[in-house]
């Protein structure tokens, strides 16, 4: 479970940062079709905000995965 959360967290974080950089600076034309914020038509006009939300969700998943790892290490040390 921790590995899955870590993978999805990094994926969302990369999507969020990539979407934000591409929307603000626009120099990643090759990555335009790879970013989620550009593929969803209902986000048109809100790409910056959606990219920020996606990045924050990625950070939250990474924090949850990290706390799960610390909890597993703590439980392993008590036994």
Protein backbone atom coordinates (compact mmCIF):
# COMPACT_ATOMS: atom_id res chain seq x y z
CA UNK A 1 0.00 0.00 0.00
CA UNK A 2 2.83 2.37 0.88
CA UNK A 3 4.52 1.79 -2.47
CA UNK A 4 1.29 2.45 -4.36
CA UNK A 5 0.72 5.71 -2.49
CA UNK A 6 4.30 6.77 -3.15
CA UNK A 7 4.02 6.08 -6.88
CA UNK A 8 0.70 7.90 -7.21
CA UNK A 9 2.01 10.76 -5.06
CA UNK A 10 5.04 11.29 -7.29
CA UNK A 11 2.91 10.95 -10.42
CA UNK A 12 0.47 13.61 -9.20
CA UNK A 13 3.29 15.86 -8.04
CA UNK A 14 5.01 15.67 -11.43
CA UNK A 15 1.70 16.27 -13.22
CA UNK A 16 0.97 19.28 -11.02
CA UNK A 17 4.38 20.88 -11.36
CA UNK A 18 4.53 20.11 -15.08
CA UNK A 19 1.07 21.51 -15.66
CA UNK A 20 1.87 24.65 -13.71
CA UNK A 21 5.16 25.27 -15.51
CA UNK A 22 3.63 24.53 -18.91
CA UNK A 23 0.65 26.79 -18.29
CA UNK A 24 2.63 29.72 -16.90
CA UNK A 25 5.70 29.57 -19.14
CA UNK A 26 4.45 27.56 -22.11
CA UNK A 27 7.81 26.25 -23.24
CA UNK A 28 6.94 22.55 -22.91
CA UNK A 29 4.90 22.27 -26.10
CA UNK A 30 5.96 18.62 -26.48
CA UNK A 31 4.45 17.80 -23.08
CA UNK A 32 1.12 19.52 -23.71
CA UNK A 33 -0.70 16.26 -24.53
CA UNK A 34 0.91 14.38 -21.61
CA UNK A 35 -0.45 16.63 -18.87
CA UNK A 36 -3.81 15.87 -17.27
CA UNK A 37 -4.82 19.51 -16.91
CA UNK A 38 -4.64 19.93 -20.68
CA UNK A 39 -6.61 16.76 -21.46
CA UNK A 40 -9.73 17.50 -19.41
CA UNK A 41 -11.97 19.93 -21.30
CA UNK A 42 -13.87 21.16 -18.22
CA UNK A 43 -10.60 22.55 -16.78
CA UNK A 44 -10.11 24.94 -19.69
CA UNK A 45 -9.32 28.34 -18.26
CA UNK A 46 -8.52 26.89 -14.82
CA UNK A 47 -5.32 25.03 -15.68
CA UNK A 48 -3.18 26.87 -13.13
CA UNK A 49 -5.54 26.20 -10.25
CA UNK A 50 -6.05 22.57 -11.27
CA UNK A 51 -2.29 22.03 -11.51
CA UNK A 52 -1.82 23.48 -8.02
CA UNK A 53 -4.54 21.21 -6.62
CA UNK A 54 -3.05 18.15 -8.35
CA UNK A 55 0.41 19.00 -6.97
CA UNK A 56 -0.94 19.47 -3.44
CA UNK A 57 -2.75 16.12 -3.67
CA UNK A 58 0.53 14.54 -4.72
CA UNK A 59 2.28 16.04 -1.71
CA UNK A 60 -0.52 14.79 0.56
CA UNK A 61 -0.19 11.25 -0.79
CA UNK A 62 3.57 11.35 -0.28
CA UNK A 63 3.09 12.55 3.30
CA UNK A 64 0.59 9.76 3.99
CA UNK A 65 2.96 7.17 2.52
CA UNK A 66 5.81 8.54 4.66
CA UNK A 67 3.72 8.42 7.83
CA UNK A 68 2.68 4.85 7.02
CA UNK A 69 6.35 3.92 6.71
CA UNK A 70 7.22 5.55 10.01
CA UNK A 71 4.30 3.83 11.70
CA UNK A 72 5.38 0.45 10.30
CA UNK A 73 8.94 1.03 11.52
CA UNK A 74 7.67 2.06 14.95
CA UNK A 75 5.46 -1.04 15.24
CA UNK A 76 8.31 -3.26 14.07
CA UNK A 77 10.59 -1.87 16.78
CA UNK A 78 8.08 -2.49 19.57
CA UNK A 79 7.66 -6.19 18.86
